[in-house]
């Protein structure tokens, strides 16, 4: 499995779920009475689904946010944006260290930047994430094993006699299958324990009257499947152990599960019974001890403001606004589907992921007057450029390729590729090259190379180059400075000259790169043009 798969899942899940968690905080605070605890718990369930399911649906609009610097199609647009922003931050940090003459920091930031580019950092982070998942799961497992072993050691006996009969009747009344109940001592508060074979641990000190309220509470936990909710919470915390919002959401959802259980318990009660049940809650709070977040067990204990809210809810009673709860459930479900719509469509994936230079560097200031919409338009445009460059009819066929938002056209004459052109749909040329059947000009080290050239000859070459560029890319010469000599390469009796014209706008770091063949008789041939470092 590629690290990009893990990266996509973690970034998308945490961004989408993080937004939902932040929205849930004011919803719980201000709309609990109208929504009801059941609707709030449903919202937490949807968040857990987003956190745990590595799904991704096609979205016809998501490609619009793909960063042009995230060229790996395996990294989806949202994760790609995060990667690019992180890379930019590391680059700025590297610059800060450099200006501060901190070579240690500069080298560390540079290594991190290189790691982000070649995916070595992503692989390392994936290993760290996996190690964290295993450690958190191991911690949860150890804590639960110790808790279960302690409860088993402190178990006294199962309930029997009249209490057993009343418990069975209570289960039938509430529509829940009967589960084992064991007196346990010491035990500060009753709890529903286990996942596959749950049972109820009941304090030996519980009075018969309080025991009925306590057992009703745990039965309602069972009916609400809160023992399974506990598994979801632990899995979310383990998979996203690095995100404090997920841990906060787990704690809040645990509280909301208790409140939903209280709603189910007190639903059929009259005011006196509610008052009696609230008293049991207050007494449980005095013990200040209950299974923690990492335990697969429920507990009645709740203290502080949460207890106050809980008692007020129990005493107030009342039903939520059905229309508001249904509206929330529908909207939340729609948002969940939208939160999974993070993949590009098949059409956009087939087009490929390329650097859309028309939105960057020089070409953001250049706009052609063509509207190239299909392969025929692209071939016709390429033929016009060929005629301008070569001054003769093409003898071969043009092969046209669609590459993202651009067009690539190549001409084959005989068995040789004679000409290639890459341009945008409005006719701005980004890259042009012609095959001279002589690749010596691109070979470093074998041929004499210098930056020395007769000034008169250089000025004549510069003047010719600027005129040629203006013909090929109208408006380009207004955006670049006078071409600078990069090198001259002597190949036999000819010269290959590399010129670079920096952009007039200083915020750009690349301009027009030009390679020109100077024949012995003084003829100039434009071998290659590249804009904004493209190529």
Protein backbone atom coordinates (compact mmCIF):
# COMPACT_ATOMS: atom_id res chain seq x y z
CA UNK A 1 0.00 0.00 0.00
CA UNK A 2 1.41 3.37 -1.02
CA UNK A 3 1.94 6.01 1.64
CA UNK A 4 -0.27 8.26 -0.52
CA UNK A 5 -3.25 6.02 0.31
CA UNK A 6 -2.70 6.50 4.04
CA UNK A 7 -2.00 10.19 3.52
CA UNK A 8 -5.22 10.75 1.56
CA UNK A 9 -7.35 8.96 4.14
CA UNK A 10 -5.88 10.63 7.22
CA UNK A 11 -5.87 14.15 5.80
CA UNK A 12 -9.37 13.99 4.34
CA UNK A 13 -10.89 12.23 7.35
CA UNK A 14 -9.36 14.62 9.87
CA UNK A 15 -10.25 17.77 7.94
CA UNK A 16 -13.86 16.74 7.29
CA UNK A 17 -14.45 15.22 10.73
CA UNK A 18 -12.61 18.09 12.43
CA UNK A 19 -15.00 20.62 10.88
CA UNK A 20 -17.97 18.49 11.99
CA UNK A 21 -16.63 18.15 15.54
CA UNK A 22 -16.20 21.91 15.85
CA UNK A 23 -19.77 22.42 14.59
CA UNK A 24 -21.11 19.85 17.06
CA UNK A 25 -19.86 21.85 20.05
CA UNK A 26 -22.32 24.77 19.67
CA UNK A 27 -25.07 22.39 18.53
CA UNK A 28 -24.76 20.46 21.80
CA UNK A 29 -24.63 23.67 23.78
CA UNK A 30 -27.55 25.57 22.29
CA UNK A 31 -29.81 23.08 20.46
CA UNK A 32 -29.76 20.04 22.72
CA UNK A 33 -33.32 20.56 23.94
CA UNK A 34 -34.75 20.94 20.44
CA UNK A 35 -32.65 18.26 18.77
CA UNK A 36 -32.70 15.70 21.54
CA UNK A 37 -29.79 13.54 22.68
CA UNK A 38 -30.68 10.85 20.15
CA UNK A 39 -30.11 13.20 17.20
CA UNK A 40 -26.84 14.43 18.71
CA UNK A 41 -25.63 10.84 19.10
CA UNK A 42 -26.59 10.21 15.49
CA UNK A 43 -24.35 13.13 14.53
CA UNK A 44 -21.47 11.53 16.45
CA UNK A 45 -22.11 8.26 14.63
CA UNK A 46 -21.75 9.97 11.25
CA UNK A 47 -18.49 11.57 12.37
CA UNK A 48 -17.19 8.15 13.46
CA UNK A 49 -18.12 6.72 10.05
CA UNK A 50 -16.10 9.47 8.35
CA UNK A 51 -13.15 8.88 10.65
CA UNK A 52 -13.03 5.12 10.12
CA UNK A 53 -14.11 4.50 6.52
CA UNK A 54 -11.37 4.99 3.89
CA UNK A 55 -13.92 5.61 1.14
CA UNK A 56 -13.82 8.25 -1.56
CA UNK A 57 -16.53 9.11 -4.07
CA UNK A 58 -16.02 10.85 -7.40
CA UNK A 59 -16.67 14.58 -7.35
CA UNK A 60 -16.86 16.41 -10.70
CA UNK A 61 -15.78 19.69 -9.07
CA UNK A 62 -12.95 18.56 -6.78
CA UNK A 63 -10.35 18.83 -9.55
CA UNK A 64 -10.71 22.61 -9.43
CA UNK A 65 -8.84 22.71 -6.11
CA UNK A 66 -6.01 20.42 -7.17
CA UNK A 67 -2.75 22.23 -6.62
CA UNK A 68 -0.67 22.55 -9.78
CA UNK A 69 2.36 21.64 -7.67
CA UNK A 70 0.84 18.27 -6.60
CA UNK A 71 1.59 16.33 -9.75
CA UNK A 72 1.14 12.85 -8.26
CA UNK A 73 -2.31 11.63 -9.30
CA UNK A 74 -2.33 9.19 -6.36
CA UNK A 75 -2.53 12.17 -3.99
CA UNK A 76 -6.07 13.52 -4.20
CA UNK A 77 -6.72 17.28 -4.41
CA UNK A 78 -7.41 17.98 -0.72
CA UNK A 79 -4.36 16.08 0.50
CA UNK A 80 -2.35 17.60 -2.33
CA UNK A 81 -3.19 21.10 -1.16
CA UNK A 82 -2.05 20.21 2.37
CA UNK A 83 1.21 18.76 1.05
CA UNK A 84 1.95 21.85 -1.02
CA UNK A 85 1.19 24.20 1.88
CA UNK A 86 3.43 22.14 4.15
CA UNK A 87 6.21 22.15 1.55
CA UNK A 88 5.91 25.94 1.24
CA UNK A 89 6.10 26.33 5.02
CA UNK A 90 9.23 24.17 5.18
CA UNK A 91 10.77 26.20 2.33
CA UNK A 92 10.10 29.47 4.16
CA UNK A 93 11.57 27.98 7.32
CA UNK A 94 14.66 27.00 5.37
CA UNK A 95 15.01 30.58 4.10
CA UNK A 96 14.68 31.95 7.63
CA UNK A 97 17.43 29.65 8.89
CA UNK A 98 19.63 30.63 5.94
CA UNK A 99 19.25 34.36 6.61
CA UNK A 100 19.93 33.74 10.30
CA UNK A 101 23.12 31.84 9.36
CA UNK A 102 21.78 28.78 11.19
CA UNK A 103 23.25 26.04 9.05
CA UNK A 104 22.03 23.24 11.31
CA UNK A 105 18.42 24.39 11.03
CA UNK A 106 18.83 25.12 7.33
CA UNK A 107 20.15 21.62 6.59
CA UNK A 108 17.39 20.00 8.67
CA UNK A 109 14.68 22.01 6.89
CA UNK A 110 16.26 21.26 3.52
CA UNK A 111 16.29 17.52 4.26
CA UNK A 112 12.65 17.71 5.31
CA UNK A 113 11.77 19.57 2.12
CA UNK A 114 13.56 16.95 0.04
CA UNK A 115 11.74 14.23 1.95
CA UNK A 116 8.40 15.83 1.14
CA UNK A 117 9.32 15.94 -2.53
CA UNK A 118 10.60 12.36 -2.86
CA UNK A 119 7.97 10.85 -0.48
CA UNK A 120 10.57 9.59 2.01
CA UNK A 121 9.10 11.87 4.67
CA UNK A 122 5.60 10.56 3.89
CA UNK A 123 6.80 6.98 4.28
CA UNK A 124 8.46 7.81 7.60
CA UNK A 125 5.32 9.57 8.86
CA UNK A 126 3.19 6.59 7.77
CA UNK A 127 5.42 4.32 9.86
CA UNK A 128 5.15 6.67 12.85
CA UNK A 129 1.36 6.76 12.45
CA UNK A 130 1.13 2.98 12.30
CA UNK A 131 3.38 2.62 15.35
CA UNK A 132 1.14 5.08 17.21
CA UNK A 133 -1.98 3.10 16.24
CA UNK A 134 -0.46 -0.13 17.52
CA UNK A 135 0.70 1.48 20.78
CA UNK A 136 -2.70 3.05 21.50
CA UNK A 137 -4.49 -0.22 20.70
CA UNK A 138 -2.07 -2.08 22.95
CA UNK A 139 -2.72 0.41 25.73
CA UNK A 140 -6.50 0.08 25.35
CA UNK A 141 -6.19 -3.70 25.32
CA UNK A 142 -4.04 -3.83 28.45
CA UNK A 143 -6.32 -1.41 30.34
CA UNK A 144 -9.44 -3.40 29.44
CA UNK A 145 -7.86 -6.74 30.32
CA UNK A 146 -6.81 -5.42 33.72
CA UNK A 147 -10.27 -3.95 34.30
CA UNK A 148 -12.05 -7.19 33.35
CA UNK A 149 -9.70 -9.28 35.46
CA UNK A 150 -10.29 -7.03 38.47
CA UNK A 151 -14.06 -7.20 38.05
CA UNK A 152 -13.92 -10.97 37.71
CA UNK A 153 -11.76 -11.24 40.84
CA UNK A 154 -14.15 -8.99 42.80
CA UNK A 155 -17.28 -10.78 41.61
CA UNK A 156 -19.41 -12.09 44.49
CA UNK A 157 -22.41 -13.84 43.03
CA UNK A 158 -25.18 -13.40 40.44
CA UNK A 159 -28.40 -11.73 41.52
CA UNK A 160 -31.16 -14.12 42.48
CA UNK A 161 -34.59 -14.36 44.04
CA UNK A 162 -36.91 -11.39 43.89
CA UNK A 163 -34.29 -9.09 42.39
CA UNK A 164 -33.67 -11.53 39.56
CA UNK A 165 -37.40 -11.75 38.89
CA UNK A 166 -37.76 -7.99 38.88
CA UNK A 167 -34.76 -7.67 36.56
CA UNK A 168 -36.19 -10.20 34.09
CA UNK A 169 -39.53 -8.41 34.16
CA UNK A 170 -37.74 -5.12 33.57
CA UNK A 171 -35.96 -6.60 30.54
CA UNK A 172 -39.25 -7.78 29.08
CA UNK A 173 -40.82 -4.41 29.74
CA UNK A 174 -37.99 -2.58 27.99
CA UNK A 175 -37.75 -5.05 25.12
CA UNK A 176 -34.19 -6.16 25.92
CA UNK A 177 -32.81 -9.67 26.18
CA UNK A 178 -31.73 -10.54 29.71
CA UNK A 179 -28.00 -10.50 30.43
CA UNK A 180 -26.11 -11.81 33.48
CA UNK A 181 -25.93 -9.51 36.51
CA UNK A 182 -23.26 -10.02 39.17
CA UNK A 183 -22.84 -8.44 42.59
CA UNK A 184 -19.32 -7.05 42.70
CA UNK A 185 -17.40 -5.61 45.63
CA UNK A 186 -15.72 -3.19 45.75
CA UNK A 187 -17.41 -1.36 42.87
CA UNK A 188 -18.22 2.38 43.01
CA UNK A 189 -20.91 2.31 40.31
CA UNK A 190 -22.81 -0.20 38.24
CA UNK A 191 -21.61 -0.71 34.69
CA UNK A 192 -22.37 -2.67 31.55
CA UNK A 193 -19.19 -4.57 30.71
CA UNK A 194 -18.05 -6.37 27.57
CA UNK A 195 -18.86 -6.39 23.88
CA UNK A 196 -19.67 -9.87 22.60
CA UNK A 197 -21.07 -11.27 25.87
CA UNK A 198 -21.98 -8.22 27.91
CA UNK A 199 -22.97 -8.43 31.56
CA UNK A 200 -23.86 -5.96 34.30
CA UNK A 201 -21.67 -5.46 37.36
CA UNK A 202 -23.78 -4.26 40.32
CA UNK A 203 -22.31 -2.85 43.55
CA UNK A 204 -22.98 -5.11 46.53
CA UNK A 205 -23.84 -2.00 48.56
CA UNK A 206 -26.72 -0.97 46.24
CA UNK A 207 -30.09 -0.83 48.03
CA UNK A 208 -32.99 -2.73 46.41
CA UNK A 209 -34.71 0.54 45.49
CA UNK A 210 -31.61 2.10 43.94
CA UNK A 211 -30.72 -1.20 42.28
CA UNK A 212 -33.84 -1.06 40.11
CA UNK A 213 -32.96 2.42 38.84
CA UNK A 214 -29.37 1.35 38.27
CA UNK A 215 -30.37 -1.83 36.41
CA UNK A 216 -32.86 0.12 34.30
CA UNK A 217 -30.07 2.50 33.34
CA UNK A 218 -27.74 -0.31 32.29
CA UNK A 219 -30.52 -2.09 30.40
CA UNK A 220 -31.11 1.11 28.44
CA UNK A 221 -27.38 1.27 27.69
CA UNK A 222 -27.72 -2.23 26.28
CA UNK A 223 -30.77 -1.25 24.23
CA UNK A 224 -28.89 1.76 22.85
CA UNK A 225 -25.98 -0.52 21.89
CA UNK A 226 -23.65 1.70 23.91
CA UNK A 227 -21.22 -1.20 24.42
CA UNK A 228 -20.69 -1.11 20.63
CA UNK A 229 -20.40 2.67 20.64
CA UNK A 230 -17.51 2.20 23.01
CA UNK A 231 -15.70 0.13 20.39
CA UNK A 232 -16.23 2.87 17.79
CA UNK A 233 -14.82 5.49 20.15
CA UNK A 234 -11.72 3.45 20.87
CA UNK A 235 -11.11 2.75 17.19
CA UNK A 236 -11.44 6.44 16.30
CA UNK A 237 -8.99 7.40 19.06
CA UNK A 238 -6.53 4.69 18.00
CA UNK A 239 -6.59 5.46 14.27
CA UNK A 240 -6.44 9.24 14.82
CA UNK A 241 -4.37 9.26 18.01
CA UNK A 242 -2.55 12.43 16.92
CA UNK A 243 -5.70 14.56 16.69
CA UNK A 244 -6.86 16.11 19.98
CA UNK A 245 -10.23 16.95 18.43
CA UNK A 246 -10.95 13.23 18.03
CA UNK A 247 -10.22 12.57 21.71
CA UNK A 248 -12.43 15.53 22.66
CA UNK A 249 -15.21 14.18 20.43
CA UNK A 250 -14.89 10.75 22.06
CA UNK A 251 -15.33 12.28 25.52
CA UNK A 252 -18.30 14.43 24.41
CA UNK A 253 -20.00 11.52 22.66
CA UNK A 254 -19.61 9.41 25.81
CA UNK A 255 -21.40 12.10 27.79
CA UNK A 256 -24.13 12.33 25.16
CA UNK A 257 -24.59 8.56 25.25
CA UNK A 258 -25.23 8.80 28.99
CA UNK A 259 -27.77 11.57 28.43
CA UNK A 260 -29.51 9.57 25.70
CA UNK A 261 -29.66 6.63 28.08
CA UNK A 262 -31.24 8.88 30.73
CA UNK A 263 -33.88 9.91 28.17
CA UNK A 264 -34.74 6.26 27.55
CA UNK A 265 -34.82 5.49 31.28
CA UNK A 266 -37.04 8.42 32.26
CA UNK A 267 -39.33 8.31 29.22
CA UNK A 268 -42.15 6.37 30.93
CA UNK A 269 -41.52 7.82 34.42
CA UNK A 270 -43.72 10.26 36.34
CA UNK A 271 -42.21 13.33 38.10
CA UNK A 272 -41.68 11.49 41.40
CA UNK A 273 -39.83 8.65 39.73
CA UNK A 274 -37.70 11.15 37.84
CA UNK A 275 -36.79 12.83 41.12
CA UNK A 276 -35.84 9.49 42.64
CA UNK A 277 -33.72 8.61 39.59
CA UNK A 278 -31.96 12.01 39.73
CA UNK A 279 -31.12 11.29 43.38
CA UNK A 280 -29.41 8.06 42.34
CA UNK A 281 -27.34 10.02 39.79
CA UNK A 282 -26.23 12.49 42.47
CA UNK A 283 -25.25 9.69 44.84
CA UNK A 284 -23.28 8.02 42.07
CA UNK A 285 -21.44 11.29 41.44
CA UNK A 286 -20.32 11.38 45.08
CA UNK A 287 -18.22 8.26 44.48
CA UNK A 288 -16.21 10.06 41.76
CA UNK A 289 -15.05 6.86 40.17
CA UNK A 290 -16.18 5.31 36.90
CA UNK A 291 -14.68 3.46 33.92
CA UNK A 292 -12.52 5.80 31.87
CA UNK A 293 -12.72 6.69 28.19
CA UNK A 294 -10.51 3.76 27.26
CA UNK A 295 -12.73 1.17 28.96
CA UNK A 296 -15.33 -0.89 27.14
CA UNK A 297 -17.81 -0.35 29.96
CA UNK A 298 -20.55 2.16 30.76
CA UNK A 299 -20.89 4.03 34.04
CA UNK A 300 -23.43 6.27 35.73
CA UNK A 301 -20.89 8.55 37.39
CA UNK A 302 -20.69 12.11 36.08
CA UNK A 303 -19.52 15.17 37.98
CA UNK A 304 -19.39 18.97 37.78
CA UNK A 305 -21.32 20.88 35.12
CA UNK A 306 -22.05 17.68 33.23
CA UNK A 307 -23.90 16.29 36.27
CA UNK A 308 -25.85 19.54 36.62
CA UNK A 309 -26.90 19.38 32.97
CA UNK A 310 -27.79 15.74 33.35
CA UNK A 311 -29.98 16.27 36.42
CA UNK A 312 -31.71 19.28 34.83
CA UNK A 313 -32.44 17.23 31.72
CA UNK A 314 -33.87 14.38 33.78
CA UNK A 315 -36.09 16.66 35.86
CA UNK A 316 -37.24 18.74 32.89
CA UNK A 317 -38.24 15.83 30.71
CA UNK A 318 -40.04 16.76 27.52
CA UNK A 319 -39.58 15.58 23.97
CA UNK A 320 -37.39 17.08 21.25
CA UNK A 321 -38.81 18.87 18.24
CA UNK A 322 -39.35 16.09 15.75
CA UNK A 323 -39.09 18.31 12.67
CA UNK A 324 -35.80 19.77 13.89
CA UNK A 325 -34.32 16.35 14.67
CA UNK A 326 -35.36 14.97 11.27
CA UNK A 327 -33.98 18.02 9.47
CA UNK A 328 -30.68 17.67 11.33
CA UNK A 329 -30.47 13.95 10.49
CA UNK A 330 -31.13 14.55 6.78
CA UNK A 331 -28.68 17.45 6.49
CA UNK A 332 -26.02 15.60 8.47
CA UNK A 333 -26.40 12.54 6.23
CA UNK A 334 -26.05 14.70 3.13
CA UNK A 335 -22.93 16.30 4.60
CA UNK A 336 -21.50 12.84 5.27
CA UNK A 337 -21.91 11.88 1.60
CA UNK A 338 -20.29 15.18 0.62
CA UNK A 339 -17.43 14.52 3.05
CA UNK A 340 -16.58 11.35 1.12
CA UNK A 341 -16.73 13.09 -2.30
CA UNK A 342 -13.01 13.74 -2.50
CA UNK A 343 -11.94 11.84 -5.64
CA UNK A 344 -11.65 13.20 -9.14
CA UNK A 345 -13.89 11.76 -11.81
CA UNK A 346 -12.65 9.08 -14.20
CA UNK A 347 -12.56 11.65 -16.97
CA UNK A 348 -10.21 13.94 -15.05
CA UNK A 349 -8.02 11.04 -13.96
CA UNK A 350 -7.73 9.82 -17.54
CA UNK A 351 -6.68 13.30 -18.60
CA UNK A 352 -3.79 12.95 -16.21
CA UNK A 353 -2.25 15.30 -13.72
CA UNK A 354 0.10 17.86 -15.18
CA UNK A 355 1.53 21.18 -14.14
CA UNK A 356 -0.93 23.74 -15.50
CA UNK A 357 1.63 26.40 -16.21
CA UNK A 358 -1.00 28.71 -17.70
CA UNK A 359 -1.93 29.59 -14.13
CA UNK A 360 1.64 30.26 -12.99
CA UNK A 361 4.76 32.21 -13.75
CA UNK A 362 4.88 33.97 -17.13
CA UNK A 363 1.88 32.43 -18.77
CA UNK A 364 -0.60 33.79 -16.24
CA UNK A 365 0.03 37.13 -17.97
CA UNK A 366 -0.28 35.69 -21.48
CA UNK A 367 -3.57 35.00 -23.22
CA UNK A 368 -3.88 33.89 -26.82
CA UNK A 369 -6.73 34.60 -29.16
CA UNK A 370 -7.33 30.98 -30.15
CA UNK A 371 -10.02 28.64 -28.93
CA UNK A 372 -8.66 25.15 -29.37
CA UNK A 373 -11.48 22.77 -28.50
CA UNK A 374 -10.67 19.52 -30.26
CA UNK A 375 -7.91 17.53 -31.94
CA UNK A 376 -8.54 19.11 -35.35
CA UNK A 377 -8.08 22.62 -33.91
CA UNK A 378 -4.89 21.50 -32.15
CA UNK A 379 -3.43 19.94 -35.30
CA UNK A 380 -4.25 23.05 -37.36
CA UNK A 381 -2.57 25.31 -34.82
CA UNK A 382 0.53 23.09 -34.71
CA UNK A 383 0.72 23.17 -38.51
CA UNK A 384 0.66 26.98 -38.49
CA UNK A 385 3.52 27.06 -36.00
CA UNK A 386 5.45 24.50 -38.08
CA UNK A 387 5.05 26.65 -41.17
CA UNK A 388 6.36 29.73 -39.31
CA UNK A 389 9.34 27.86 -37.89
CA UNK A 390 10.26 25.72 -40.89
CA UNK A 391 8.93 27.69 -43.82
CA UNK A 392 7.77 24.57 -45.62
CA UNK A 393 4.88 22.13 -45.70
CA UNK A 394 4.97 19.27 -43.25
CA UNK A 395 5.54 15.90 -44.88
CA UNK A 396 4.22 13.74 -42.07
CA UNK A 397 1.20 13.44 -39.79
CA UNK A 398 0.48 15.29 -36.59
CA UNK A 399 -0.27 13.19 -33.50
CA UNK A 400 -2.40 15.04 -30.98
CA UNK A 401 -2.65 14.28 -27.25
CA UNK A 402 -4.80 15.88 -24.59
CA UNK A 403 -2.85 16.40 -21.37
CA UNK A 404 -4.94 17.90 -18.59
CA UNK A 405 -5.83 21.43 -19.68
CA UNK A 406 -3.24 21.49 -22.45
CA UNK A 407 -2.48 20.02 -25.85
CA UNK A 408 0.62 18.17 -27.02
CA UNK A 409 1.22 17.74 -30.74
CA UNK A 410 4.09 15.90 -32.39
CA UNK A 411 5.01 15.58 -36.08
CA UNK A 412 6.61 12.44 -37.41
CA UNK A 413 8.42 12.53 -40.75
CA UNK A 414 9.35 9.06 -41.86
CA UNK A 415 10.49 7.18 -38.79
CA UNK A 416 11.72 10.25 -36.93
CA UNK A 417 9.96 12.63 -34.58
CA UNK A 418 10.60 15.99 -36.20
CA UNK A 419 8.64 18.50 -34.13
CA UNK A 420 6.79 18.71 -30.81
CA UNK A 421 4.60 21.48 -29.46
CA UNK A 422 2.86 21.92 -26.11
CA UNK A 423 0.32 24.72 -25.75
CA UNK A 424 -2.79 25.83 -23.89
CA UNK A 425 -6.33 25.86 -25.23
CA UNK A 426 -6.07 29.60 -25.95
CA UNK A 427 -2.98 29.12 -28.14
CA UNK A 428 -0.20 30.14 -25.73
CA UNK A 429 2.86 28.00 -26.47
CA UNK A 430 4.66 26.65 -23.42
CA UNK A 431 7.13 24.31 -25.00
CA UNK A 432 8.43 23.83 -28.53
CA UNK A 433 11.27 21.70 -29.81
CA UNK A 434 12.45 20.33 -33.13
CA UNK A 435 14.58 17.27 -33.69
CA UNK A 436 17.82 18.03 -35.53
CA UNK A 437 18.89 14.38 -35.43
CA UNK A 438 21.90 15.51 -33.42
CA UNK A 439 21.67 15.16 -29.66
CA UNK A 440 25.20 16.30 -28.93
CA UNK A 441 23.92 19.69 -27.81
CA UNK A 442 22.25 18.18 -24.74
CA UNK A 443 25.29 16.14 -23.66
CA UNK A 444 27.25 17.62 -20.77
CA UNK A 445 30.98 17.18 -20.45
CA UNK A 446 31.88 15.89 -23.93
CA UNK A 447 32.07 19.15 -25.81
CA UNK A 448 33.69 22.49 -25.15
CA UNK A 449 31.39 24.77 -23.21
CA UNK A 450 31.86 28.36 -22.15
CA UNK A 451 29.99 31.56 -21.43
CA UNK A 452 32.13 33.54 -23.80
CA UNK A 453 30.65 34.91 -27.01
CA UNK A 454 31.47 37.89 -29.19
CA UNK A 455 29.29 40.76 -27.94
CA UNK A 456 28.25 41.84 -31.44
CA UNK A 457 27.26 38.27 -32.28
CA UNK A 458 25.45 37.89 -28.96
CA UNK A 459 23.45 41.09 -29.46
CA UNK A 460 22.45 39.99 -32.96
CA UNK A 461 21.34 36.63 -31.55
CA UNK A 462 19.39 38.34 -28.78
CA UNK A 463 17.59 40.58 -31.27
CA UNK A 464 16.69 37.62 -33.49
CA UNK A 465 15.54 35.58 -30.49
CA UNK A 466 13.20 38.30 -29.21
CA UNK A 467 11.61 38.69 -32.64
CA UNK A 468 11.19 34.91 -32.93
CA UNK A 469 9.62 34.67 -29.47
CA UNK A 470 7.17 37.46 -30.23
CA UNK A 471 6.06 35.65 -33.37
CA UNK A 472 5.63 32.35 -31.57
CA UNK A 473 4.12 33.73 -28.34
CA UNK A 474 2.57 37.17 -28.91
CA UNK A 475 3.03 39.38 -25.84
CA UNK A 476 5.89 37.34 -24.40
CA UNK A 477 8.59 39.92 -25.10
CA UNK A 478 6.66 42.44 -23.03
CA UNK A 479 6.90 40.15 -20.01
CA UNK A 480 10.61 39.20 -20.15
CA UNK A 481 13.93 41.00 -19.94
CA UNK A 482 16.77 40.85 -22.44
CA UNK A 483 17.95 37.23 -22.75
CA UNK A 484 21.09 36.40 -20.78
CA UNK A 485 23.76 34.03 -22.02
CA UNK A 486 23.87 30.78 -20.05
CA UNK A 487 26.43 28.90 -22.10
CA UNK A 488 27.82 28.31 -25.58
CA UNK A 489 28.52 24.74 -26.64
CA UNK A 490 30.80 24.18 -29.63
CA UNK A 491 29.85 21.05 -31.58
CA UNK A 492 32.00 20.66 -34.65
CA UNK A 493 31.63 23.74 -36.81
CA UNK A 494 28.31 24.76 -35.22
CA UNK A 495 27.38 26.35 -31.92
CA UNK A 496 24.51 25.64 -29.60
CA UNK A 497 23.64 28.65 -27.45
CA UNK A 498 21.48 28.56 -24.32
CA UNK A 499 19.78 31.84 -23.45
CA UNK A 500 17.53 32.60 -20.51
CA UNK A 501 15.23 35.61 -20.40
CA UNK A 502 14.19 36.37 -16.80
CA UNK A 503 10.67 37.76 -16.26
CA UNK A 504 10.19 41.45 -15.57
CA UNK A 505 8.09 40.60 -12.54
CA UNK A 506 10.69 39.83 -9.88
CA UNK A 507 8.39 37.49 -7.92
CA UNK A 508 8.88 34.87 -10.61
CA UNK A 509 12.02 32.76 -10.46
CA UNK A 510 11.98 31.42 -14.03
CA UNK A 511 11.43 32.95 -17.43
CA UNK A 512 11.86 31.86 -21.01
CA UNK A 513 14.58 29.33 -21.71
CA UNK A 514 15.78 29.21 -25.34
CA UNK A 515 18.21 26.95 -27.20
CA UNK A 516 19.46 28.23 -30.57
CA UNK A 517 21.63 26.51 -33.17
CA UNK A 518 24.07 28.86 -34.90
CA UNK A 519 25.14 27.33 -38.20
CA UNK A 520 28.58 28.10 -39.74
CA UNK A 521 26.99 30.34 -42.37
CA UNK A 522 25.38 32.42 -39.62
CA UNK A 523 21.85 30.97 -39.86
CA UNK A 524 19.88 30.76 -36.61
CA UNK A 525 17.60 27.82 -35.80
CA UNK A 526 15.34 27.82 -32.73
CA UNK A 527 15.87 24.34 -31.30
CA UNK A 528 13.80 24.59 -28.13
CA UNK A 529 11.63 27.05 -26.24
CA UNK A 530 10.50 26.51 -22.67
CA UNK A 531 8.43 28.93 -20.64
CA UNK A 532 8.62 29.32 -16.86
CA UNK A 533 10.94 26.37 -16.40
CA UNK A 534 8.50 24.01 -18.08
CA UNK A 535 9.74 20.97 -19.90
